[in-house]
PDB file of N, CA and C in Angstrom:
ATOM      1  N   UNK A   1     111.895 171.857 136.936  1.00  0.00           N
ATOM      2  CA  UNK A   1     112.583 173.151 137.297  1.00  0.00           C
ATOM      3  C   UNK A   1     113.552 172.981 138.317  1.00  0.00           C
ATOM      4  N   UNK A   2     113.256 172.177 139.316  1.00  0.00           N
ATOM      5  CA  UNK A   2     114.227 171.853 140.450  1.00  0.00           C
ATOM      6  C   UNK A   2     115.486 171.222 139.995  1.00  0.00           C
ATOM      7  N   UNK A   3     115.339 170.394 138.885  1.00  0.00           N
ATOM      8  CA  UNK A   3     116.559 169.728 138.325  1.00  0.00           C
ATOM      9  C   UNK A   3     117.476 170.740 137.726  1.00  0.00           C
ATOM     10  N   UNK A   4     116.858 171.771 137.037  1.00  0.00           N
ATOM     11  CA  UNK A   4     117.702 172.779 136.381  1.00  0.00           C
ATOM     12  C   UNK A   4     118.438 173.622 137.258  1.00  0.00           C
ATOM     13  N   UNK A   5     117.801 173.918 138.456  1.00  0.00           N
ATOM     14  CA  UNK A   5     118.397 174.764 139.435  1.00  0.00           C
ATOM     15  C   UNK A   5     119.615 173.950 140.069  1.00  0.00           C
ATOM     16  N   UNK A   6     119.409 172.683 140.392  1.00  0.00           N
ATOM     17  CA  UNK A   6     120.526 171.877 140.864  1.00  0.00           C
ATOM     18  C   UNK A   6     121.519 171.724 140.008  1.00  0.00           C
ATOM     19  N   UNK A   7     121.325 171.553 138.726  1.00  0.00           N
ATOM     20  CA  UNK A   7     122.168 171.331 137.646  1.00  0.00           C
ATOM     21  C   UNK A   7     123.156 172.590 137.601  1.00  0.00           C
ATOM     22  N   UNK A   8     122.484 173.818 137.613  1.00  0.00           N
ATOM     23  CA  UNK A   8     123.210 175.095 137.482  1.00  0.00           C
ATOM     24  C   UNK A   8     124.241 175.211 138.675  1.00  0.00           C
ATOM     25  N   UNK A   9     123.723 174.898 139.922  1.00  0.00           N
ATOM     26  CA  UNK A   9     124.446 174.967 141.088  1.00  0.00           C
ATOM     27  C   UNK A   9     125.726 173.900 141.101  1.00  0.00           C
ATOM     28  N   UNK A  10     125.426 172.782 140.588  1.00  0.00           N
ATOM     29  CA  UNK A  10     126.479 171.772 140.509  1.00  0.00           C
ATOM     30  C   UNK A  10     127.594 172.141 139.459  1.00  0.00           C
ATOM     31  N   UNK A  11     127.084 172.578 138.438  1.00  0.00           N
ATOM     32  CA  UNK A  11     128.101 173.128 137.332  1.00  0.00           C
ATOM     33  C   UNK A  11     128.824 174.341 137.749  1.00  0.00           C
ATOM     34  N   UNK A  12     128.245 175.203 138.524  1.00  0.00           N
ATOM     35  CA  UNK A  12     128.916 176.333 139.046  1.00  0.00           C
ATOM     36  C   UNK A  12     130.079 175.935 139.886  1.00  0.00           C
ATOM     37  N   UNK A  13     129.839 175.017 140.861  1.00  0.00           N
ATOM     38  CA  UNK A  13     130.752 174.516 141.705  1.00  0.00           C
ATOM     39  C   UNK A  13     131.818 173.614 141.164  1.00  0.00           C
ATOM     40  N   UNK A  14     131.467 172.983 139.995  1.00  0.00           N
ATOM     41  CA  UNK A  14     132.338 171.945 139.382  1.00  0.00           C
ATOM     42  C   UNK A  14     133.524 172.703 138.665  1.00  0.00           C
ATOM     43  N   UNK A  15     133.431 173.951 138.337  1.00  0.00           N
ATOM     44  CA  UNK A  15     134.431 174.628 137.695  1.00  0.00           C
ATOM     45  C   UNK A  15     135.235 175.590 138.654  1.00  0.00           C
ATOM     46  N   UNK A  16     135.162 175.282 140.009  1.00  0.00           N
ATOM     47  CA  UNK A  16     135.920 176.086 140.907  1.00  0.00           C
ATOM     48  C   UNK A  16     137.484 176.035 140.801  1.00  0.00           C
ATOM     49  N   UNK A  17     137.899 174.933 140.417  1.00  0.00           N
ATOM     50  CA  UNK A  17     139.387 174.769 140.243  1.00  0.00           C
ATOM     51  C   UNK A  17     139.952 175.354 138.987  1.00  0.00           C
ATOM     52  N   UNK A  18     139.161 175.891 138.155  1.00  0.00           N
ATOM     53  CA  UNK A  18     139.609 176.354 136.827  1.00  0.00           C
ATOM     54  C   UNK A  18     139.983 177.790 136.900  1.00  0.00           C
ATOM     55  N   UNK A  19     140.097 178.400 138.060  1.00  0.00           N
ATOM     56  CA  UNK A  19     140.489 179.772 138.208  1.00  0.00           C
ATOM     57  C   UNK A  19     139.762 180.812 137.267  1.00  0.00           C
ATOM     58  N   UNK A  20     138.344 180.567 137.427  1.00  0.00           N
ATOM     59  CA  UNK A  20     137.470 181.348 136.683  1.00  0.00           C
ATOM     60  C   UNK A  20     136.835 182.270 137.759  1.00  0.00           C
ATOM     61  N   UNK A  21     136.446 183.551 137.481  1.00  0.00           N
ATOM     62  CA  UNK A  21     135.806 184.394 138.431  1.00  0.00           C
ATOM     63  C   UNK A  21     134.347 184.063 138.481  1.00  0.00           C
ATOM     64  N   UNK A  22     133.645 184.760 139.396  1.00  0.00           N
ATOM     65  CA  UNK A  22     132.192 184.459 139.535  1.00  0.00           C
ATOM     66  C   UNK A  22     131.358 184.516 138.255  1.00  0.00           C
ATOM     67  N   UNK A  23     131.650 185.548 137.440  1.00  0.00           N
ATOM     68  CA  UNK A  23     130.726 185.672 136.300  1.00  0.00           C
ATOM     69  C   UNK A  23     131.060 184.652 135.178  1.00  0.00           C
ATOM     70  N   UNK A  24     132.362 184.234 135.164  1.00  0.00           N
ATOM     71  CA  UNK A  24     132.697 183.158 134.208  1.00  0.00           C
ATOM     72  C   UNK A  24     132.149 181.910 134.624  1.00  0.00           C
ATOM     73  N   UNK A  25     132.101 181.555 135.807  1.00  0.00           N
ATOM     74  CA  UNK A  25     131.501 180.238 136.405  1.00  0.00           C
ATOM     75  C   UNK A  25     129.966 180.283 136.125  1.00  0.00           C
ATOM     76  N   UNK A  26     129.330 181.322 136.267  1.00  0.00           N
ATOM     77  CA  UNK A  26     127.986 181.522 136.106  1.00  0.00           C
ATOM     78  C   UNK A  26     127.546 181.379 134.634  1.00  0.00           C
ATOM     79  N   UNK A  27     128.529 181.951 133.713  1.00  0.00           N
ATOM     80  CA  UNK A  27     128.282 181.685 132.317  1.00  0.00           C
ATOM     81  C   UNK A  27     128.396 180.215 131.957  1.00  0.00           C
ATOM     82  N   UNK A  28     129.440 179.495 132.530  1.00  0.00           N
ATOM     83  CA  UNK A  28     129.613 178.125 132.199  1.00  0.00           C
ATOM     84  C   UNK A  28     128.319 177.231 132.572  1.00  0.00           C
ATOM     85  N   UNK A  29     127.752 177.694 133.860  1.00  0.00           N
ATOM     86  CA  UNK A  29     126.536 177.061 134.328  1.00  0.00           C
ATOM     87  C   UNK A  29     125.402 177.199 133.324  1.00  0.00           C
ATOM     88  N   UNK A  30     125.332 178.476 132.865  1.00  0.00           N
ATOM     89  CA  UNK A  30     124.223 178.720 131.898  1.00  0.00           C
ATOM     90  C   UNK A  30     124.423 178.119 130.612  1.00  0.00           C
ATOM     91  N   UNK A  31     125.727 177.842 130.118  1.00  0.00           N
ATOM     92  CA  UNK A  31     125.998 177.378 128.760  1.00  0.00           C
ATOM     93  C   UNK A  31     125.800 175.830 128.921  1.00  0.00           C
ATOM     94  N   UNK A  32     125.942 175.278 130.030  1.00  0.00           N
ATOM     95  CA  UNK A  32     125.677 173.808 130.149  1.00  0.00           C
ATOM     96  C   UNK A  32     124.269 173.419 130.434  1.00  0.00           C
ATOM     97  N   UNK A  33     123.275 174.396 130.348  1.00  0.00           N
ATOM     98  CA  UNK A  33     121.833 174.053 130.421  1.00  0.00           C
ATOM     99  C   UNK A  33     121.563 172.944 129.365  1.00  0.00           C
ATOM    100  N   UNK A  34     120.649 172.159 129.591  1.00  0.00           N
ATOM    101  CA  UNK A  34     120.271 171.121 128.652  1.00  0.00           C
ATOM    102  C   UNK A  34     119.660 171.783 127.357  1.00  0.00           C
ATOM    103  N   UNK A  35     120.221 171.308 126.269  1.00  0.00           N
ATOM    104  CA  UNK A  35     119.673 171.612 125.039  1.00  0.00           C
ATOM    105  C   UNK A  35     119.197 170.508 124.186  1.00  0.00           C
ATOM    106  N   UNK A  36     118.891 169.357 124.680  1.00  0.00           N
ATOM    107  CA  UNK A  36     118.211 168.296 124.157  1.00  0.00           C
ATOM    108  C   UNK A  36     118.998 167.537 123.004  1.00  0.00           C
ATOM    109  N   UNK A  37     120.280 167.651 123.121  1.00  0.00           N
ATOM    110  CA  UNK A  37     121.112 166.996 122.146  1.00  0.00           C
ATOM    111  C   UNK A  37     120.995 165.348 122.281  1.00  0.00           C
ATOM    112  N   UNK A  38     120.851 164.965 123.513  1.00  0.00           N
ATOM    113  CA  UNK A  38     120.678 163.413 123.793  1.00  0.00           C
ATOM    114  C   UNK A  38     119.348 162.990 123.181  1.00  0.00           C
ATOM    115  N   UNK A  39     118.145 163.855 123.398  1.00  0.00           N
ATOM    116  CA  UNK A  39     116.904 163.561 122.914  1.00  0.00           C
ATOM    117  C   UNK A  39     117.057 163.385 121.326  1.00  0.00           C
ATOM    118  N   UNK A  40     117.786 164.469 120.794  1.00  0.00           N
ATOM    119  CA  UNK A  40     117.913 164.291 119.300  1.00  0.00           C
ATOM    120  C   UNK A  40     118.613 163.005 118.721  1.00  0.00           C
ATOM    121  N   UNK A  41     119.516 162.563 119.633  1.00  0.00           N
ATOM    122  CA  UNK A  41     120.401 161.410 119.124  1.00  0.00           C
ATOM    123  C   UNK A  41     119.631 160.178 119.318  1.00  0.00           C
ATOM    124  N   UNK A  42     118.979 160.013 120.558  1.00  0.00           N
ATOM    125  CA  UNK A  42     118.236 158.670 120.652  1.00  0.00           C
ATOM    126  C   UNK A  42     116.696 158.744 120.622  1.00  0.00           C
ATOM    127  N   UNK A  43     116.186 159.857 120.411  1.00  0.00           N
ATOM    128  CA  UNK A  43     114.632 159.985 120.188  1.00  0.00           C
ATOM    129  C   UNK A  43     113.952 158.929 119.266  1.00  0.00           C
ATOM    130  N   UNK A  44     114.619 158.793 118.075  1.00  0.00           N
ATOM    131  CA  UNK A  44     113.863 157.959 117.073  1.00  0.00           C
ATOM    132  C   UNK A  44     114.217 156.404 117.378  1.00  0.00           C
ATOM    133  N   UNK A  45     115.144 156.128 118.250  1.00  0.00           N
ATOM    134  CA  UNK A  45     115.528 154.652 118.402  1.00  0.00           C
ATOM    135  C   UNK A  45     114.495 153.812 118.852  1.00  0.00           C
ATOM    136  N   UNK A  46     113.545 154.213 119.811  1.00  0.00           N
ATOM    137  CA  UNK A  46     112.445 153.330 120.258  1.00  0.00           C
ATOM    138  C   UNK A  46     111.477 153.073 119.116  1.00  0.00           C
ATOM    139  N   UNK A  47     111.194 153.984 118.374  1.00  0.00           N
ATOM    140  CA  UNK A  47     110.259 153.881 117.189  1.00  0.00           C
ATOM    141  C   UNK A  47     110.896 152.916 116.222  1.00  0.00           C
ATOM    142  N   UNK A  48     112.184 153.063 115.814  1.00  0.00           N
ATOM    143  CA  UNK A  48     112.851 152.291 114.909  1.00  0.00           C
ATOM    144  C   UNK A  48     112.793 150.810 115.449  1.00  0.00           C
ATOM    145  N   UNK A  49     113.171 150.596 116.646  1.00  0.00           N
ATOM    146  CA  UNK A  49     113.085 149.279 117.230  1.00  0.00           C
ATOM    147  C   UNK A  49     111.612 148.651 117.291  1.00  0.00           C
ATOM    148  N   UNK A  50     110.618 149.463 117.497  1.00  0.00           N
ATOM    149  CA  UNK A  50     109.332 148.978 117.470  1.00  0.00           C
ATOM    150  C   UNK A  50     108.908 148.535 116.049  1.00  0.00           C
ATOM    151  N   UNK A  51     109.271 149.372 115.107  1.00  0.00           N
ATOM    152  CA  UNK A  51     108.909 149.052 113.710  1.00  0.00           C
ATOM    153  C   UNK A  51     109.718 147.960 113.201  1.00  0.00           C
ATOM    154  N   UNK A  52     110.953 147.805 113.661  1.00  0.00           N
ATOM    155  CA  UNK A  52     111.655 146.656 113.250  1.00  0.00           C
ATOM    156  C   UNK A  52     111.002 145.319 113.805  1.00  0.00           C
ATOM    157  N   UNK A  53     110.733 145.363 114.919  1.00  0.00           N
ATOM    158  CA  UNK A  53     110.017 144.127 115.631  1.00  0.00           C
ATOM    159  C   UNK A  53     108.723 143.863 115.021  1.00  0.00           C
ATOM    160  N   UNK A  54     107.932 144.871 114.604  1.00  0.00           N
ATOM    161  CA  UNK A  54     106.622 144.614 113.876  1.00  0.00           C
ATOM    162  C   UNK A  54     106.856 144.099 112.477  1.00  0.00           C
ATOM    163  N   UNK A  55     107.927 144.579 111.864  1.00  0.00           N
ATOM    164  CA  UNK A  55     108.240 144.007 110.445  1.00  0.00           C
ATOM    165  C   UNK A  55     108.792 142.653 110.482  1.00  0.00           C
ATOM    166  N   UNK A  56     109.437 142.349 111.579  1.00  0.00           N
ATOM    167  CA  UNK A  56     110.084 141.026 111.660  1.00  0.00           C
ATOM    168  C   UNK A  56     109.222 139.893 112.043  1.00  0.00           C
ATOM    169  N   UNK A  57     107.937 140.074 112.289  1.00  0.00           N
ATOM    170  CA  UNK A  57     107.180 138.979 113.022  1.00  0.00           C
ATOM    171  C   UNK A  57     106.803 138.089 111.910  1.00  0.00           C
ATOM    172  N   UNK A  58     106.526 136.803 112.281  1.00  0.00           N
ATOM    173  CA  UNK A  58     106.206 135.652 111.301  1.00  0.00           C
ATOM    174  C   UNK A  58     104.754 135.691 110.994  1.00  0.00           C
ATOM    175  N   UNK A  59     104.331 134.666 110.340  1.00  0.00           N
ATOM    176  CA  UNK A  59     102.919 134.432 110.059  1.00  0.00           C
ATOM    177  C   UNK A  59     102.028 133.953 111.193  1.00  0.00           C
ATOM    178  N   UNK A  60     102.779 133.157 112.088  1.00  0.00           N
ATOM    179  CA  UNK A  60     102.141 132.571 113.200  1.00  0.00           C
ATOM    180  C   UNK A  60     102.429 133.458 114.487  1.00  0.00           C
ATOM    181  N   UNK A  61     101.781 134.556 114.459  1.00  0.00           N
ATOM    182  CA  UNK A  61     101.786 135.464 115.674  1.00  0.00           C
ATOM    183  C   UNK A  61     100.527 135.660 116.171  1.00  0.00           C
ATOM    184  N   UNK A  62     100.415 135.503 117.507  1.00  0.00           N
ATOM    185  CA  UNK A  62      99.070 135.678 118.178  1.00  0.00           C
ATOM    186  C   UNK A  62      98.722 137.099 118.090  1.00  0.00           C
ATOM    187  N   UNK A  63      97.200 137.249 118.289  1.00  0.00           N
ATOM    188  CA  UNK A  63      96.687 138.621 118.367  1.00  0.00           C
ATOM    189  C   UNK A  63      97.201 139.396 119.558  1.00  0.00           C
ATOM    190  N   UNK A  64      97.440 138.747 120.639  1.00  0.00           N
ATOM    191  CA  UNK A  64      97.971 139.451 121.785  1.00  0.00           C
ATOM    192  C   UNK A  64      99.353 139.992 121.466  1.00  0.00           C
ATOM    193  N   UNK A  65     100.353 139.245 120.837  1.00  0.00           N
ATOM    194  CA  UNK A  65     101.624 139.607 120.474  1.00  0.00           C
ATOM    195  C   UNK A  65     101.493 140.832 119.407  1.00  0.00           C
ATOM    196  N   UNK A  66     100.553 140.754 118.521  1.00  0.00           N
ATOM    197  CA  UNK A  66     100.501 141.721 117.532  1.00  0.00           C
ATOM    198  C   UNK A  66     100.000 142.930 118.166  1.00  0.00           C
ATOM    199  N   UNK A  67      99.041 142.977 119.146  1.00  0.00           N
ATOM    200  CA  UNK A  67      98.674 144.125 119.886  1.00  0.00           C
ATOM    201  C   UNK A  67      99.761 144.768 120.591  1.00  0.00           C
ATOM    202  N   UNK A  68     100.562 143.933 121.220  1.00  0.00           N
ATOM    203  CA  UNK A  68     101.646 144.475 121.932  1.00  0.00           C
ATOM    204  C   UNK A  68     102.678 145.234 121.110  1.00  0.00           C
ATOM    205  N   UNK A  69     102.974 144.683 119.969  1.00  0.00           N
ATOM    206  CA  UNK A  69     103.879 145.220 119.023  1.00  0.00           C
ATOM    207  C   UNK A  69     103.372 146.530 118.483  1.00  0.00           C
ATOM    208  N   UNK A  70     102.001 146.571 118.117  1.00  0.00           N
ATOM    209  CA  UNK A  70     101.345 147.779 117.735  1.00  0.00           C
ATOM    210  C   UNK A  70     101.340 148.921 118.813  1.00  0.00           C
ATOM    211  N   UNK A  71     101.211 148.479 120.047  1.00  0.00           N
ATOM    212  CA  UNK A  71     101.185 149.500 121.103  1.00  0.00           C
ATOM    213  C   UNK A  71     102.544 149.989 121.260  1.00  0.00           C
ATOM    214  N   UNK A  72     103.711 149.153 121.147  1.00  0.00           N
ATOM    215  CA  UNK A  72     105.063 149.727 121.119  1.00  0.00           C
ATOM    216  C   UNK A  72     105.380 150.754 120.094  1.00  0.00           C
ATOM    217  N   UNK A  73     104.660 150.510 118.892  1.00  0.00           N
ATOM    218  CA  UNK A  73     104.970 151.439 117.808  1.00  0.00           C
ATOM    219  C   UNK A  73     104.279 152.852 118.179  1.00  0.00           C
ATOM    220  N   UNK A  74     103.025 152.746 118.892  1.00  0.00           N
ATOM    221  CA  UNK A  74     102.409 153.959 119.203  1.00  0.00           C
ATOM    222  C   UNK A  74     103.313 154.625 120.308  1.00  0.00           C
ATOM    223  N   UNK A  75     103.792 153.968 121.320  1.00  0.00           N
ATOM    224  CA  UNK A  75     104.712 154.480 122.325  1.00  0.00           C
ATOM    225  C   UNK A  75     105.887 155.018 121.711  1.00  0.00           C
ATOM    226  N   UNK A  76     106.442 154.342 120.641  1.00  0.00           N
ATOM    227  CA  UNK A  76     107.671 154.985 120.044  1.00  0.00           C
ATOM    228  C   UNK A  76     107.358 156.272 119.499  1.00  0.00           C
ATOM    229  N   UNK A  77     106.173 156.379 118.807  1.00  0.00           N
ATOM    230  CA  UNK A  77     105.686 157.713 118.123  1.00  0.00           C
ATOM    231  C   UNK A  77     105.719 158.815 119.266  1.00  0.00           C
ATOM    232  N   UNK A  78     105.094 158.397 120.429  1.00  0.00           N
ATOM    233  CA  UNK A  78     104.854 159.315 121.528  1.00  0.00           C
ATOM    234  C   UNK A  78     106.221 159.754 121.978  1.00  0.00           C
ATOM    235  N   UNK A  79     107.179 158.928 122.129  1.00  0.00           N
ATOM    236  CA  UNK A  79     108.430 159.174 122.704  1.00  0.00           C
ATOM    237  C   UNK A  79     109.221 160.053 121.605  1.00  0.00           C
ATOM    238  N   UNK A  80     109.137 159.808 120.373  1.00  0.00           N
ATOM    239  CA  UNK A  80     109.714 160.715 119.387  1.00  0.00           C
ATOM    240  C   UNK A  80     109.129 162.108 119.334  1.00  0.00           C
ATOM    241  N   UNK A  81     107.775 162.168 119.495  1.00  0.00           N
ATOM    242  CA  UNK A  81     107.163 163.526 119.669  1.00  0.00           C
ATOM    243  C   UNK A  81     107.626 164.290 120.748  1.00  0.00           C
ATOM    244  N   UNK A  82     107.819 163.589 122.034  1.00  0.00           N
ATOM    245  CA  UNK A  82     108.363 164.308 123.249  1.00  0.00           C
ATOM    246  C   UNK A  82     109.731 164.816 123.038  1.00  0.00           C
ATOM    247  N   UNK A  83     110.547 163.966 122.383  1.00  0.00           N
ATOM    248  CA  UNK A  83     111.882 164.328 122.135  1.00  0.00           C
ATOM    249  C   UNK A  83     111.986 165.558 121.112  1.00  0.00           C
ATOM    250  N   UNK A  84     111.083 165.548 120.151  1.00  0.00           N
ATOM    251  CA  UNK A  84     111.112 166.699 119.247  1.00  0.00           C
ATOM    252  C   UNK A  84     110.707 168.026 119.898  1.00  0.00           C
ATOM    253  N   UNK A  85     109.599 167.875 120.782  1.00  0.00           N
ATOM    254  CA  UNK A  85     109.185 168.926 121.457  1.00  0.00           C
ATOM    255  C   UNK A  85     110.366 169.505 122.547  1.00  0.00           C
ATOM    256  N   UNK A  86     111.078 168.572 123.153  1.00  0.00           N
ATOM    257  CA  UNK A  86     111.987 169.172 124.154  1.00  0.00           C
ATOM    258  C   UNK A  86     113.108 169.826 123.359  1.00  0.00           C
ATOM    259  N   UNK A  87     113.412 169.421 122.131  1.00  0.00           N
ATOM    260  CA  UNK A  87     114.385 170.033 121.270  1.00  0.00           C
ATOM    261  C   UNK A  87     113.798 171.574 120.963  1.00  0.00           C
ATOM    262  N   UNK A  88     112.583 171.570 120.627  1.00  0.00           N
ATOM    263  CA  UNK A  88     112.092 172.848 120.196  1.00  0.00           C
ATOM    264  C   UNK A  88     111.969 173.803 121.275  1.00  0.00           C
ATOM    265  N   UNK A  89     111.807 173.311 122.621  1.00  0.00           N
ATOM    266  CA  UNK A  89     111.751 174.187 123.660  1.00  0.00           C
ATOM    267  C   UNK A  89     113.154 174.613 124.281  1.00  0.00           C
ATOM    268  N   UNK A  90     114.066 173.572 124.306  1.00  0.00           N
ATOM    269  CA  UNK A  90     115.251 173.802 125.161  1.00  0.00           C
ATOM    270  C   UNK A  90     116.357 174.460 124.322  1.00  0.00           C
ATOM    271  N   UNK A  91     116.358 173.997 123.091  1.00  0.00           N
ATOM    272  CA  UNK A  91     117.519 174.484 122.252  1.00  0.00           C
ATOM    273  C   UNK A  91     117.479 176.097 122.078  1.00  0.00           C
ATOM    274  N   UNK A  92     116.319 176.730 121.726  1.00  0.00           N
ATOM    275  CA  UNK A  92     116.348 178.258 121.697  1.00  0.00           C
ATOM    276  C   UNK A  92     116.584 178.945 123.091  1.00  0.00           C
ATOM    277  N   UNK A  93     116.103 178.280 124.117  1.00  0.00           N
ATOM    278  CA  UNK A  93     116.299 178.789 125.501  1.00  0.00           C
ATOM    279  C   UNK A  93     117.769 178.719 125.800  1.00  0.00           C
ATOM    280  N   UNK A  94     118.433 177.719 125.600  1.00  0.00           N
ATOM    281  CA  UNK A  94     119.928 177.562 125.790  1.00  0.00           C
ATOM    282  C   UNK A  94     120.714 178.529 124.941  1.00  0.00           C
ATOM    283  N   UNK A  95     120.347 178.623 123.682  1.00  0.00           N
ATOM    284  CA  UNK A  95     120.997 179.677 122.711  1.00  0.00           C
ATOM    285  C   UNK A  95     120.738 181.120 123.255  1.00  0.00           C
ATOM    286  N   UNK A  96     119.524 181.399 123.739  1.00  0.00           N
ATOM    287  CA  UNK A  96     119.248 182.731 124.106  1.00  0.00           C
ATOM    288  C   UNK A  96     120.109 183.041 125.359  1.00  0.00           C
ATOM    289  N   UNK A  97     120.136 182.034 126.270  1.00  0.00           N
ATOM    290  CA  UNK A  97     120.998 182.142 127.441  1.00  0.00           C
ATOM    291  C   UNK A  97     122.386 182.518 127.264  1.00  0.00           C
ATOM    292  N   UNK A  98     122.951 181.810 126.268  1.00  0.00           N
ATOM    293  CA  UNK A  98     124.454 182.031 125.907  1.00  0.00           C
ATOM    294  C   UNK A  98     124.490 183.385 125.286  1.00  0.00           C
ATOM    295  N   UNK A  99     123.651 183.605 124.268  1.00  0.00           N
ATOM    296  CA  UNK A  99     123.709 184.925 123.631  1.00  0.00           C
ATOM    297  C   UNK A  99     123.600 186.110 124.442  1.00  0.00           C
ATOM    298  N   UNK A 100     122.750 186.133 125.508  1.00  0.00           N
ATOM    299  CA  UNK A 100     122.517 187.285 126.234  1.00  0.00           C
ATOM    300  C   UNK A 100     123.400 187.259 127.559  1.00  0.00           C
ATOM    301  N   UNK A 101     123.750 186.158 127.998  1.00  0.00           N
ATOM    302  CA  UNK A 101     124.655 186.182 129.243  1.00  0.00           C
ATOM    303  C   UNK A 101     126.168 186.363 128.723  1.00  0.00           C
ATOM    304  N   UNK A 102     126.556 185.982 127.694  1.00  0.00           N
ATOM    305  CA  UNK A 102     127.942 186.061 127.290  1.00  0.00           C
ATOM    306  C   UNK A 102     128.500 187.617 127.329  1.00  0.00           C
ATOM    307  N   UNK A 103     127.866 188.498 126.595  1.00  0.00           N
ATOM    308  CA  UNK A 103     128.366 189.885 126.593  1.00  0.00           C
ATOM    309  C   UNK A 103     128.254 190.474 127.978  1.00  0.00           C
ATOM    310  N   UNK A 104     127.302 190.109 128.815  1.00  0.00           N
ATOM    311  CA  UNK A 104     127.138 190.696 130.115  1.00  0.00           C
ATOM    312  C   UNK A 104     127.977 190.149 131.269  1.00  0.00           C
ATOM    313  N   UNK A 105     128.360 188.726 131.020  1.00  0.00           N
ATOM    314  CA  UNK A 105     129.110 188.099 132.191  1.00  0.00           C
ATOM    315  C   UNK A 105     130.623 188.096 131.825  1.00  0.00           C
ATOM    316  N   UNK A 106     130.961 187.957 130.542  1.00  0.00           N
ATOM    317  CA  UNK A 106     132.270 187.774 130.121  1.00  0.00           C
ATOM    318  C   UNK A 106     132.964 189.120 129.633  1.00  0.00           C
ATOM    319  N   UNK A 107     134.241 189.176 129.941  1.00  0.00           N
ATOM    320  CA  UNK A 107     134.995 190.297 129.456  1.00  0.00           C
ATOM    321  C   UNK A 107     136.108 189.835 128.670  1.00  0.00           C
ATOM    322  N   UNK A 108     136.482 190.667 127.684  1.00  0.00           N
ATOM    323  CA  UNK A 108     137.640 190.347 126.824  1.00  0.00           C
ATOM    324  C   UNK A 108     138.982 190.511 127.578  1.00  0.00           C
ATOM    325  N   UNK A 109     139.762 189.465 127.310  1.00  0.00           N
ATOM    326  CA  UNK A 109     141.111 189.479 127.954  1.00  0.00           C
ATOM    327  C   UNK A 109     142.103 190.111 126.978  1.00  0.00           C
ATOM    328  N   UNK A 110     143.004 190.793 127.519  1.00  0.00           N
ATOM    329  CA  UNK A 110     144.108 191.352 126.797  1.00  0.00           C
ATOM    330  C   UNK A 110     145.152 190.275 126.529  1.00  0.00           C
ATOM    331  N   UNK A 111     145.263 189.349 127.448  1.00  0.00           N
ATOM    332  CA  UNK A 111     146.329 188.312 127.273  1.00  0.00           C
ATOM    333  C   UNK A 111     145.677 187.115 126.631  1.00  0.00           C
ATOM    334  N   UNK A 112     145.611 187.143 125.411  1.00  0.00           N
ATOM    335  CA  UNK A 112     144.992 186.082 124.494  1.00  0.00           C
ATOM    336  C   UNK A 112     146.107 185.033 124.319  1.00  0.00           C
ATOM    337  N   UNK A 113     145.675 183.762 124.624  1.00  0.00           N
ATOM    338  CA  UNK A 113     146.627 182.724 124.420  1.00  0.00           C
ATOM    339  C   UNK A 113     146.711 182.437 122.822  1.00  0.00           C
ATOM    340  N   UNK A 114     147.851 182.470 122.405  1.00  0.00           N
ATOM    341  CA  UNK A 114     148.020 182.227 120.867  1.00  0.00           C
ATOM    342  C   UNK A 114     148.627 180.734 120.707  1.00  0.00           C
ATOM    343  N   UNK A 115     147.923 179.989 119.894  1.00  0.00           N
ATOM    344  CA  UNK A 115     148.470 178.674 119.792  1.00  0.00           C
ATOM    345  C   UNK A 115     148.986 178.563 118.298  1.00  0.00           C
TER     346      UNK A 115
END
C-alpha cells in the first residue's frame, strides 16, 4: 500500500512542468496506477523456462537435479498464478479509477487542438 501512495505522489510531481492544473495532475497519477501489464507480459516466462529445462534433460540426470527442475516447474506455476491474480485485482481497480475520476477531475476544453 505504501508503494502505491509513493507512486501517486511521485507521478503527481513528475508532471509539474506540463502546465496541468491540480485536478489534471491528480488524474494522471491515478491513471498511472499499476494495472499488471508487466505481469501479463512476463508471468509465463518462468514456467516456460522451467518446462524447457525439464524437457531438455538427458538420460543421465541425477535424482537431485531432477528434483530441482521439478521444483522450478512448481515455482513457475506459483509465479504464473500470482501474476494472473495481480491482473485480476489491479486491472479493474485501475479502470474504475480512470472511469470515475475522469469525469470528476477533468473538464472539457473549448480550445481543442486539431491535428
